[in-house]
Protein backbone atom coordinates (compact mmCIF):
# COMPACT_ATOMS: atom_id res chain seq x y z
CA GLN A 1 -259.35 28.97 7.90
CA VAL A 2 -255.84 30.64 8.41
CA ARG A 3 -253.37 29.92 11.19
CA LEU A 4 -250.46 32.07 12.24
CA VAL A 5 -247.66 30.74 14.37
CA GLU A 6 -245.04 33.08 15.80
CA SER A 7 -241.60 32.22 17.16
CA GLY A 8 -238.40 34.02 18.27
CA GLY A 9 -239.41 36.28 21.20
CA GLY A 10 -237.46 36.40 24.42
CA LEU A 11 -235.38 38.42 26.87
CA VAL A 12 -232.65 40.62 25.44
CA GLN A 13 -230.46 43.46 26.74
CA PRO A 14 -230.83 46.93 25.57
CA GLY A 15 -228.93 47.31 22.34
CA GLY A 16 -229.39 43.70 21.51
CA SER A 17 -231.10 41.96 18.51
CA LEU A 18 -233.97 39.46 18.10
CA ARG A 19 -235.52 37.94 14.99
CA LEU A 20 -239.23 37.01 14.97
CA SER A 21 -240.78 34.64 12.54
CA CYS A 22 -244.45 33.99 11.73
CA ALA A 23 -245.59 31.13 9.55
CA ALA A 24 -249.10 31.21 8.09
CA SER A 25 -251.03 28.10 6.98
CA GLY A 26 -254.45 27.57 5.45
CA SER A 27 -256.37 29.30 2.64
CA ILE A 28 -254.08 32.15 1.91
CA PHE A 29 -254.76 34.04 -1.29
CA THR A 30 -252.31 36.10 -3.36
CA GLY A 31 -252.19 39.78 -2.90
CA ASN A 32 -252.23 39.42 0.84
CA SER A 33 -250.22 41.58 3.34
CA MET A 34 -248.48 40.36 6.44
CA GLY A 35 -246.72 42.13 9.32
CA TRP A 36 -246.32 42.86 13.02
CA TYR A 37 -248.12 44.68 15.65
CA ARG A 38 -247.38 45.11 19.35
CA GLN A 39 -249.13 45.71 22.60
CA ALA A 40 -247.39 46.83 25.78
CA PRO A 41 -249.15 46.69 29.18
CA GLY A 42 -251.62 49.40 29.53
CA LYS A 43 -251.20 50.58 25.95
CA GLN A 44 -253.22 50.21 22.80
CA ARG A 45 -252.06 47.90 20.05
CA GLU A 46 -249.83 49.60 17.56
CA LEU A 47 -248.46 48.89 14.10
CA VAL A 48 -244.80 47.83 13.98
CA ALA A 49 -244.22 46.96 10.30
CA THR A 50 -246.10 45.51 7.36
CA ILE A 51 -245.15 44.16 4.02
CA THR A 52 -247.31 43.30 1.02
CA SER A 53 -246.81 40.21 -1.10
CA GLY A 54 -245.16 42.55 -3.62
CA GLY A 55 -242.65 43.67 -1.07
CA ALA A 56 -243.83 47.10 -0.19
CA THR A 57 -243.09 47.93 3.39
CA ASN A 58 -244.50 50.29 6.10
CA TYR A 59 -242.94 51.01 9.44
CA ALA A 60 -243.82 52.84 12.59
CA ASP A 61 -241.68 55.95 13.03
CA SER A 62 -240.38 54.50 16.31
CA VAL A 63 -238.67 51.46 14.72
CA LYS A 64 -237.45 52.98 11.39
CA GLY A 65 -233.81 52.33 10.91
CA ARG A 66 -233.77 49.64 13.60
CA PHE A 67 -236.28 46.99 12.44
CA THR A 68 -236.62 45.21 9.16
CA VAL A 69 -239.59 43.34 7.94
CA SER A 70 -239.22 40.73 5.24
CA ARG A 71 -241.13 37.73 3.87
CA ASP A 72 -240.79 34.45 2.02
CA ASN A 73 -243.88 34.15 -0.17
CA ALA A 74 -243.23 30.41 -1.00
CA LYS A 75 -243.32 29.68 2.73
CA ASN A 76 -246.01 32.19 3.61
CA THR A 77 -243.66 33.36 6.38
CA VAL A 78 -242.82 36.95 7.49
CA TYR A 79 -239.97 37.89 9.57
CA LEU A 80 -238.99 40.93 11.85
CA GLN A 81 -235.35 41.58 12.43
CA MET A 82 -235.10 43.82 15.45
CA ASN A 83 -231.78 45.64 16.20
CA SER A 84 -230.74 48.24 18.66
CA LEU A 85 -233.56 47.16 20.91
CA LYS A 86 -234.73 49.50 23.64
CA PRO A 87 -236.74 49.02 26.83
CA ASP A 88 -239.68 50.75 25.08
CA ASP A 89 -239.77 48.00 22.65
CA THR A 90 -240.93 45.55 25.34
CA ALA A 91 -244.32 44.21 24.35
CA ILE A 92 -246.19 41.27 23.08
CA TYR A 93 -245.55 41.08 19.23
CA LEU A 94 -248.42 39.81 17.24
CA CYS A 95 -248.21 38.49 13.71
CA TRP A 96 -250.96 39.93 11.33
CA LEU A 97 -252.19 38.74 7.99
CA TRP A 98 -254.68 40.50 5.75
CA ASN A 99 -256.29 38.04 3.38
CA ARG A 100 -258.68 38.53 0.43
CA PRO A 101 -261.45 39.54 0.44
CA ALA A 102 -260.81 41.65 3.49
CA ILE A 103 -260.20 39.56 6.55
CA ASN A 104 -257.69 40.20 9.26
CA TYR A 105 -255.93 37.32 11.07
CA TRP A 106 -253.89 37.46 14.22
CA GLY A 107 -251.29 35.23 15.87
CA GLN A 108 -251.32 34.36 19.63
CA GLY A 109 -248.46 36.66 20.17
CA THR A 110 -244.77 36.26 21.39
CA GLN A 111 -243.31 38.25 24.33
CA VAL A 112 -240.31 40.50 23.72
CA THR A 113 -238.67 41.83 26.77
CA VAL A 114 -235.72 44.39 26.61
CA SER A 115 -234.15 44.77 29.97
CA SER A 116 -230.75 44.70 31.63
């Protein structure tokens, strides 16, 4: 069993920054991938950024140049540094872990609201 616990969401003004963290615990195997998805009201869940255990990253076009995903393998923790936030970034951000053999795990989500 794997548990994901997110932290760091909140309310921020346009142009501001937030840093999300997600700590994974349980039976986590090497070669996993972690990352972030988001879901805004009335919209489908979408990929934000992912990172493999080897450090390879993937970003949604909408966040490239503004968001940075990173991880600490020793702590099984993934981070999302979000800069230059826009109102369109408002959503529930969900932590994601892909674990061998091929299982997806999700966190409960943390709310990010960008508003003046």
